[in-house]
Amino acid sequence: MIRRGKKYRALVASYDVKASYGLDDAVNILKKSQLKFDQTVELHFNLGVDPKHSDQMVRGTVSLPHGTGRKVRILAFCKDNMVQAAVDAGADFAGGTELVQKISDGWLDFDAVVATPDMMAVLGKVAKVLGPRGLMPSPKAGTVSPNLALVIKELKAGKIQYRVDKGANVHAPVGKLSFTGEQLRENILSVIDSVKKNKPQTSKGIYIKSLTLAATMTPSVHLDMALTR
């Protein structure tokens, strides 16, 4: 059994963990958590889809109006003549086959991967490493493009990717606890709208079955979908 600290237990005692809250109230509950570091706030969906079926996969990208508040380490796969342009655009690492070998050897010190279309065959060698971690570039996610500079700048500015997991859950960072309530609200609503727009046509019944908000070291707060406006 996990032993929780005093601050965690005090936060749990400050609200009804079984109740559902409006967006502003949920954010205010999380803001009661005061720690020595700036916690990341995440939105968690449980969806009425079956990820085992390819036509019910949910994935997409969305640009957060106020960014994520964190530094995103970007790895860019491109030919030698584009490496400098990728670095100038903000890529932390850029290259080709030599980086594939590093990944094969266990290197994963990056948060996002982008690639030009002509590098996808090379990346196939590490698809089993990157795919399960949600890092494999894809045209649908907007991370495969001949214009790498634009993609890199968007990611640095706060564009995030999300993808449903095997349990039909989607997890998305929406900012930092130090953000204002309005900043978090706008970021959260942007993610909710994006996930709604990416509802598979084959999904039947309730699409968003549950929605919770949590920070790095806080319990989850259930959101009332009718009040997330």
C-alpha atoms as a PDB file:
ATOM      1  CA  MET A   1       0.000   0.000   0.000  1.00  0.00           C
ATOM      2  CA  ILE A   2       1.342   3.428  -0.971  1.00  0.00           C
ATOM      3  CA  ARG A   3       2.008   5.718   1.999  1.00  0.00           C
ATOM      4  CA  ARG A   4       1.028   9.291   1.224  1.00  0.00           C
ATOM      5  CA  GLY A   5       2.542  12.419   2.763  1.00  0.00           C
ATOM      6  CA  LYS A   6       0.743  14.936   4.980  1.00  0.00           C
ATOM      7  CA  LYS A   7       0.272  17.486   2.180  1.00  0.00           C
ATOM      8  CA  TYR A   8      -1.276  14.873  -0.089  1.00  0.00           C
ATOM      9  CA  ARG A   9      -3.634  13.649   2.626  1.00  0.00           C
ATOM     10  CA  ALA A  10      -4.597  17.229   3.516  1.00  0.00           C
ATOM     11  CA  LEU A  11      -5.469  17.939  -0.116  1.00  0.00           C
ATOM     12  CA  VAL A  12      -7.600  14.800  -0.344  1.00  0.00           C
ATOM     13  CA  ALA A  13      -9.457  15.852   2.801  1.00  0.00           C
ATOM     14  CA  SER A  14     -10.200  19.295   1.333  1.00  0.00           C
ATOM     15  CA  TYR A  15     -12.683  18.084  -1.294  1.00  0.00           C
ATOM     16  CA  ASP A  16     -15.022  15.216  -2.128  1.00  0.00           C
ATOM     17  CA  VAL A  17     -12.921  12.796  -4.185  1.00  0.00           C
ATOM     18  CA  LYS A  18     -16.050  11.020  -5.435  1.00  0.00           C
ATOM     19  CA  ALA A  19     -17.719  14.184  -6.729  1.00  0.00           C
ATOM     20  CA  SER A  20     -17.319  15.807 -10.143  1.00  0.00           C
ATOM     21  CA  TYR A  21     -16.348  19.462 -10.412  1.00  0.00           C
ATOM     22  CA  GLY A  22     -16.472  22.276 -12.907  1.00  0.00           C
ATOM     23  CA  LEU A  23     -13.208  23.217 -14.562  1.00  0.00           C
ATOM     24  CA  ASP A  24     -12.503  26.323 -12.474  1.00  0.00           C
ATOM     25  CA  ASP A  25     -13.245  24.520  -9.203  1.00  0.00           C
ATOM     26  CA  ALA A  26     -11.030  21.584 -10.189  1.00  0.00           C
ATOM     27  CA  VAL A  27      -8.113  23.899 -11.008  1.00  0.00           C
ATOM     28  CA  ASN A  28      -8.552  25.728  -7.695  1.00  0.00           C
ATOM     29  CA  ILE A  29      -8.441  22.409  -5.815  1.00  0.00           C
ATOM     30  CA  LEU A  30      -5.143  21.458  -7.456  1.00  0.00           C
ATOM     31  CA  LYS A  31      -3.674  24.883  -6.752  1.00  0.00           C
ATOM     32  CA  LYS A  32      -3.934  24.139  -3.025  1.00  0.00           C
ATOM     33  CA  SER A  33      -0.970  21.783  -3.501  1.00  0.00           C
ATOM     34  CA  GLN A  34       2.128  23.789  -2.650  1.00  0.00           C
ATOM     35  CA  LEU A  35       5.458  22.042  -3.256  1.00  0.00           C
ATOM     36  CA  LYS A  36       8.992  23.219  -3.907  1.00  0.00           C
ATOM     37  CA  PHE A  37       8.756  22.539  -7.644  1.00  0.00           C
ATOM     38  CA  ASP A  38       6.318  23.629 -10.336  1.00  0.00           C
ATOM     39  CA  GLN A  39       4.069  20.643 -10.927  1.00  0.00           C
ATOM     40  CA  THR A  40       2.859  19.617 -14.385  1.00  0.00           C
ATOM     41  CA  VAL A  41      -0.913  19.520 -14.786  1.00  0.00           C
ATOM     42  CA  GLU A  42      -2.327  16.658 -16.871  1.00  0.00           C
ATOM     43  CA  LEU A  43      -5.724  15.867 -18.326  1.00  0.00           C
ATOM     44  CA  HIS A  44      -6.762  12.195 -18.345  1.00  0.00           C
ATOM     45  CA  PHE A  45      -9.516  10.790 -20.561  1.00  0.00           C
ATOM     46  CA  ASN A  46     -11.116   7.362 -20.509  1.00  0.00           C
ATOM     47  CA  LEU A  47     -12.748   6.854 -23.894  1.00  0.00           C
ATOM     48  CA  GLY A  48     -15.479   4.612 -25.204  1.00  0.00           C
ATOM     49  CA  VAL A  49     -13.312   3.122 -27.947  1.00  0.00           C
ATOM     50  CA  ASP A  50     -11.594  -0.220 -28.524  1.00  0.00           C
ATOM     51  CA  PRO A  51      -7.944   0.515 -29.399  1.00  0.00           C
ATOM     52  CA  LYS A  52      -7.529  -3.074 -30.633  1.00  0.00           C
ATOM     53  CA  HIS A  53      -9.347  -1.960 -33.775  1.00  0.00           C
ATOM     54  CA  SER A  54      -7.370   0.331 -36.068  1.00  0.00           C
ATOM     55  CA  ASP A  55     -10.489   2.292 -36.995  1.00  0.00           C
ATOM     56  CA  GLN A  56     -10.987   3.256 -33.341  1.00  0.00           C
ATOM     57  CA  MET A  57      -7.542   4.665 -32.664  1.00  0.00           C
ATOM     58  CA  VAL A  58      -7.577   8.197 -31.291  1.00  0.00           C
ATOM     59  CA  ARG A  59      -4.508  10.334 -31.829  1.00  0.00           C
ATOM     60  CA  GLY A  60      -3.804  13.899 -32.737  1.00  0.00           C
ATOM     61  CA  THR A  61      -1.962  17.116 -32.041  1.00  0.00           C
ATOM     62  CA  VAL A  62      -3.098  20.400 -30.567  1.00  0.00           C
ATOM     63  CA  SER A  63      -1.349  23.714 -30.007  1.00  0.00           C
ATOM     64  CA  LEU A  64      -1.838  24.876 -26.430  1.00  0.00           C
ATOM     65  CA  PRO A  65      -2.576  28.642 -26.349  1.00  0.00           C
ATOM     66  CA  HIS A  66      -0.171  29.102 -23.430  1.00  0.00           C
ATOM     67  CA  GLY A  67       2.295  26.294 -24.100  1.00  0.00           C
ATOM     68  CA  THR A  68       3.192  23.464 -21.735  1.00  0.00           C
ATOM     69  CA  GLY A  69       5.545  25.428 -19.513  1.00  0.00           C
ATOM     70  CA  ARG A  70       8.285  22.874 -19.954  1.00  0.00           C
ATOM     71  CA  LYS A  71      11.314  22.466 -22.193  1.00  0.00           C
ATOM     72  CA  VAL A  72      10.704  19.909 -24.944  1.00  0.00           C
ATOM     73  CA  ARG A  73      13.771  18.023 -26.159  1.00  0.00           C
ATOM     74  CA  ILE A  74      13.290  17.369 -29.878  1.00  0.00           C
ATOM     75  CA  LEU A  75      15.080  14.774 -31.971  1.00  0.00           C
ATOM     76  CA  ALA A  76      14.978  15.436 -35.732  1.00  0.00           C
ATOM     77  CA  PHE A  77      15.714  12.790 -38.345  1.00  0.00           C
ATOM     78  CA  CYS A  78      16.842  14.257 -41.639  1.00  0.00           C
ATOM     79  CA  LYS A  79      19.542  14.106 -44.299  1.00  0.00           C
ATOM     80  CA  ASP A  80      22.891  15.773 -43.638  1.00  0.00           C
ATOM     81  CA  ASN A  81      22.039  18.855 -45.699  1.00  0.00           C
ATOM     82  CA  MET A  82      19.080  19.634 -43.390  1.00  0.00           C
ATOM     83  CA  VAL A  83      20.735  19.044 -40.020  1.00  0.00           C
ATOM     84  CA  GLN A  84      21.835  22.648 -39.473  1.00  0.00           C
ATOM     85  CA  ALA A  85      18.414  24.019 -40.415  1.00  0.00           C
ATOM     86  CA  ALA A  86      16.783  21.649 -37.914  1.00  0.00           C
ATOM     87  CA  VAL A  87      19.164  22.756 -35.165  1.00  0.00           C
ATOM     88  CA  ASP A  88      18.623  26.422 -36.042  1.00  0.00           C
ATOM     89  CA  ALA A  89      14.857  25.864 -35.730  1.00  0.00           C
ATOM     90  CA  GLY A  90      15.319  24.522 -32.204  1.00  0.00           C
ATOM     91  CA  ALA A  91      15.996  20.780 -32.502  1.00  0.00           C
ATOM     92  CA  ASP A  92      18.126  19.500 -29.619  1.00  0.00           C
ATOM     93  CA  PHE A  93      19.458  16.603 -31.698  1.00  0.00           C
ATOM     94  CA  ALA A  94      19.492  16.090 -35.461  1.00  0.00           C
ATOM     95  CA  GLY A  95      20.919  13.440 -37.728  1.00  0.00           C
ATOM     96  CA  GLY A  96      20.276  10.132 -39.426  1.00  0.00           C
ATOM     97  CA  THR A  97      21.396   6.521 -39.134  1.00  0.00           C
ATOM     98  CA  GLU A  98      23.880   7.246 -36.344  1.00  0.00           C
ATOM     99  CA  LEU A  99      20.976   8.323 -34.096  1.00  0.00           C
ATOM    100  CA  VAL A 100      19.039   5.158 -34.961  1.00  0.00           C
ATOM    101  CA  GLN A 101      21.984   3.168 -33.623  1.00  0.00           C
ATOM    102  CA  LYS A 102      22.041   5.253 -30.429  1.00  0.00           C
ATOM    103  CA  ILE A 103      18.349   4.531 -29.857  1.00  0.00           C
ATOM    104  CA  SER A 104      18.968   0.821 -30.499  1.00  0.00           C
ATOM    105  CA  ASP A 105      21.631   0.994 -27.802  1.00  0.00           C
ATOM    106  CA  GLY A 106      19.133   2.399 -25.292  1.00  0.00           C
ATOM    107  CA  TRP A 107      19.354   6.185 -25.720  1.00  0.00           C
ATOM    108  CA  LEU A 108      15.996   7.906 -25.089  1.00  0.00           C
ATOM    109  CA  ASP A 109      16.938  11.365 -23.792  1.00  0.00           C
ATOM    110  CA  PHE A 110      14.306  13.227 -25.841  1.00  0.00           C
ATOM    111  CA  ASP A 111      10.604  14.082 -25.586  1.00  0.00           C
ATOM    112  CA  ALA A 112       9.508  14.275 -29.236  1.00  0.00           C
ATOM    113  CA  VAL A 113      10.725  12.904 -32.559  1.00  0.00           C
ATOM    114  CA  VAL A 114      10.193  14.484 -35.975  1.00  0.00           C
ATOM    115  CA  ALA A 115      11.347  13.331 -39.378  1.00  0.00           C
ATOM    116  CA  THR A 116      11.351  14.124 -43.060  1.00  0.00           C
ATOM    117  CA  PRO A 117       9.414  11.601 -45.219  1.00  0.00           C
ATOM    118  CA  ASP A 118      12.607  10.197 -46.763  1.00  0.00           C
ATOM    119  CA  MET A 119      13.853   9.102 -43.302  1.00  0.00           C
ATOM    120  CA  MET A 120      10.899   6.910 -42.370  1.00  0.00           C
ATOM    121  CA  ALA A 121      12.429   3.759 -43.845  1.00  0.00           C
ATOM    122  CA  VAL A 122      15.466   4.258 -41.621  1.00  0.00           C
ATOM    123  CA  LEU A 123      13.266   4.855 -38.568  1.00  0.00           C
ATOM    124  CA  GLY A 124      11.497   1.551 -39.146  1.00  0.00           C
ATOM    125  CA  LYS A 125      14.457  -0.126 -37.440  1.00  0.00           C
ATOM    126  CA  VAL A 126      13.488   1.435 -34.092  1.00  0.00           C
ATOM    127  CA  ALA A 127       9.708   1.540 -34.517  1.00  0.00           C
ATOM    128  CA  LYS A 128       9.289  -1.099 -31.792  1.00  0.00           C
ATOM    129  CA  VAL A 129      11.214   1.154 -29.390  1.00  0.00           C
ATOM    130  CA  LEU A 130       9.594   4.472 -30.273  1.00  0.00           C
ATOM    131  CA  GLY A 131       6.046   3.263 -31.019  1.00  0.00           C
ATOM    132  CA  PRO A 132       5.042   1.996 -27.547  1.00  0.00           C
ATOM    133  CA  ARG A 133       6.365   5.246 -26.033  1.00  0.00           C
ATOM    134  CA  GLY A 134       4.283   7.412 -28.356  1.00  0.00           C
ATOM    135  CA  LEU A 135       7.427   8.796 -29.991  1.00  0.00           C
ATOM    136  CA  MET A 136       7.227   7.321 -33.487  1.00  0.00           C
ATOM    137  CA  PRO A 137       6.782  10.124 -36.041  1.00  0.00           C
ATOM    138  CA  SER A 138       3.701   9.918 -38.246  1.00  0.00           C
ATOM    139  CA  PRO A 139       2.055  12.101 -40.894  1.00  0.00           C
ATOM    140  CA  LYS A 140      -1.256  11.994 -38.985  1.00  0.00           C
ATOM    141  CA  ALA A 141       0.395  13.408 -35.879  1.00  0.00           C
ATOM    142  CA  GLY A 142       2.069  16.085 -37.981  1.00  0.00           C
ATOM    143  CA  THR A 143       5.573  14.938 -37.018  1.00  0.00           C
ATOM    144  CA  VAL A 144       6.556  13.760 -40.504  1.00  0.00           C
ATOM    145  CA  SER A 145       7.019  16.687 -42.849  1.00  0.00           C
ATOM    146  CA  PRO A 146       9.419  18.053 -45.459  1.00  0.00           C
ATOM    147  CA  ASN A 147       9.230  21.346 -43.542  1.00  0.00           C
ATOM    148  CA  LEU A 148      10.924  20.228 -40.328  1.00  0.00           C
ATOM    149  CA  ALA A 149      11.707  23.772 -39.209  1.00  0.00           C
ATOM    150  CA  LEU A 150       8.000  24.627 -38.942  1.00  0.00           C
ATOM    151  CA  VAL A 151       7.174  21.399 -37.070  1.00  0.00           C
ATOM    152  CA  ILE A 152      10.026  21.938 -34.615  1.00  0.00           C
ATOM    153  CA  LYS A 153       9.010  25.535 -33.917  1.00  0.00           C
ATOM    154  CA  GLU A 154       5.398  24.462 -33.287  1.00  0.00           C
ATOM    155  CA  LEU A 155       6.473  21.786 -30.818  1.00  0.00           C
ATOM    156  CA  LYS A 156       8.755  24.212 -29.019  1.00  0.00           C
ATOM    157  CA  ALA A 157       5.890  26.721 -28.810  1.00  0.00           C
ATOM    158  CA  GLY A 158       3.565  24.254 -27.092  1.00  0.00           C
ATOM    159  CA  LYS A 159       2.109  21.883 -29.671  1.00  0.00           C
ATOM    160  CA  ILE A 160       1.493  18.515 -28.016  1.00  0.00           C
ATOM    161  CA  GLN A 161       0.725  15.039 -29.294  1.00  0.00           C
ATOM    162  CA  TYR A 162      -1.664  12.560 -27.715  1.00  0.00           C
ATOM    163  CA  ARG A 163      -2.601   8.963 -28.420  1.00  0.00           C
ATOM    164  CA  VAL A 164      -5.034   6.510 -26.883  1.00  0.00           C
ATOM    165  CA  ASP A 165      -3.339   3.653 -25.004  1.00  0.00           C
ATOM    166  CA  LYS A 166      -4.322  -0.018 -24.703  1.00  0.00           C
ATOM    167  CA  GLY A 167      -6.689   0.810 -21.844  1.00  0.00           C
ATOM    168  CA  ALA A 168      -8.579   3.369 -23.975  1.00  0.00           C
ATOM    169  CA  ASN A 169      -7.003   6.240 -22.026  1.00  0.00           C
ATOM    170  CA  VAL A 170      -5.528   9.502 -23.294  1.00  0.00           C
ATOM    171  CA  HIS A 171      -3.094  11.488 -21.151  1.00  0.00           C
ATOM    172  CA  ALA A 172      -2.157  15.048 -22.104  1.00  0.00           C
ATOM    173  CA  PRO A 173      -0.073  17.731 -20.362  1.00  0.00           C
ATOM    174  CA  VAL A 174      -1.940  21.036 -20.183  1.00  0.00           C
ATOM    175  CA  GLY A 175       0.505  23.340 -18.412  1.00  0.00           C
ATOM    176  CA  LYS A 176       2.070  24.034 -15.033  1.00  0.00           C
ATOM    177  CA  LEU A 177       0.418  24.618 -11.672  1.00  0.00           C
ATOM    178  CA  SER A 178       1.967  28.099 -11.659  1.00  0.00           C
ATOM    179  CA  PHE A 179      -0.162  29.049 -14.690  1.00  0.00           C
ATOM    180  CA  THR A 180      -3.125  31.276 -13.997  1.00  0.00           C
ATOM    181  CA  GLY A 181      -6.534  29.661 -13.780  1.00  0.00           C
ATOM    182  CA  GLU A 182      -7.491  31.233 -17.104  1.00  0.00           C
ATOM    183  CA  GLN A 183      -4.353  29.945 -18.828  1.00  0.00           C
ATOM    184  CA  LEU A 184      -5.038  26.412 -17.634  1.00  0.00           C
ATOM    185  CA  ARG A 185      -8.706  26.693 -18.593  1.00  0.00           C
ATOM    186  CA  GLU A 186      -7.868  27.732 -22.166  1.00  0.00           C
ATOM    187  CA  ASN A 187      -5.246  24.998 -22.554  1.00  0.00           C
ATOM    188  CA  ILE A 188      -7.592  22.332 -21.148  1.00  0.00           C
ATOM    189  CA  LEU A 189     -10.500  23.338 -23.373  1.00  0.00           C
ATOM    190  CA  SER A 190      -8.209  23.221 -26.422  1.00  0.00           C
ATOM    191  CA  VAL A 191      -7.283  19.601 -25.641  1.00  0.00           C
ATOM    192  CA  ILE A 192     -10.884  18.574 -24.936  1.00  0.00           C
ATOM    193  CA  ASP A 193     -12.054  20.118 -28.223  1.00  0.00           C
ATOM    194  CA  SER A 194      -9.287  18.340 -30.136  1.00  0.00           C
ATOM    195  CA  VAL A 195     -10.061  14.929 -28.630  1.00  0.00           C
ATOM    196  CA  LYS A 196     -13.763  15.419 -29.394  1.00  0.00           C
ATOM    197  CA  LYS A 197     -12.991  16.278 -33.026  1.00  0.00           C
ATOM    198  CA  ASN A 198     -10.924  13.097 -33.329  1.00  0.00           C
ATOM    199  CA  LYS A 199     -13.788  10.820 -32.295  1.00  0.00           C
ATOM    200  CA  PRO A 200     -13.718   7.761 -34.597  1.00  0.00           C
ATOM    201  CA  GLN A 201     -16.813   7.355 -36.739  1.00  0.00           C
ATOM    202  CA  THR A 202     -17.051   3.727 -35.605  1.00  0.00           C
ATOM    203  CA  SER A 203     -17.184   4.661 -31.906  1.00  0.00           C
ATOM    204  CA  LYS A 204     -20.663   4.015 -30.508  1.00  0.00           C
ATOM    205  CA  GLY A 205     -22.253   5.077 -27.228  1.00  0.00           C
ATOM    206  CA  ILE A 206     -20.565   7.430 -24.786  1.00  0.00           C
ATOM    207  CA  TYR A 207     -17.286   8.702 -26.226  1.00  0.00           C
ATOM    208  CA  ILE A 208     -15.713  10.464 -23.225  1.00  0.00           C
ATOM    209  CA  LYS A 209     -16.587   8.121 -20.358  1.00  0.00           C
ATOM    210  CA  SER A 210     -14.584   9.969 -17.707  1.00  0.00           C
ATOM    211  CA  LEU A 211     -12.339  13.000 -17.473  1.00  0.00           C
ATOM    212  CA  THR A 212      -9.967  13.822 -14.620  1.00  0.00           C
ATOM    213  CA  LEU A 213      -7.402  16.508 -13.874  1.00  0.00           C
ATOM    214  CA  ALA A 214      -4.282  16.014 -11.764  1.00  0.00           C
ATOM    215  CA  ALA A 215      -0.890  17.550 -11.100  1.00  0.00           C
ATOM    216  CA  THR A 216       2.379  15.656 -10.627  1.00  0.00           C
ATOM    217  CA  MET A 217       1.974  15.034  -6.889  1.00  0.00           C
ATOM    218  CA  THR A 218      -1.783  15.422  -6.387  1.00  0.00           C
ATOM    219  CA  PRO A 219      -4.784  13.114  -6.407  1.00  0.00           C
ATOM    220  CA  SER A 220      -7.111  13.279  -9.422  1.00  0.00           C
ATOM    221  CA  VAL A 221     -10.127  15.551  -9.521  1.00  0.00           C
ATOM    222  CA  HIS A 222     -13.088  14.307 -11.569  1.00  0.00           C
ATOM    223  CA  LEU A 223     -14.452  16.803 -14.071  1.00  0.00           C
ATOM    224  CA  ASP A 224     -18.125  17.255 -14.831  1.00  0.00           C
ATOM    225  CA  MET A 225     -18.326  17.228 -18.635  1.00  0.00           C
ATOM    226  CA  ALA A 226     -21.419  19.436 -18.542  1.00  0.00           C
ATOM    227  CA  LEU A 227     -19.414  22.133 -16.753  1.00  0.00           C
ATOM    228  CA  THR A 228     -16.245  22.065 -18.887  1.00  0.00           C
ATOM    229  CA  ARG A 229     -17.133  25.064 -20.999  1.00  0.00           C
END
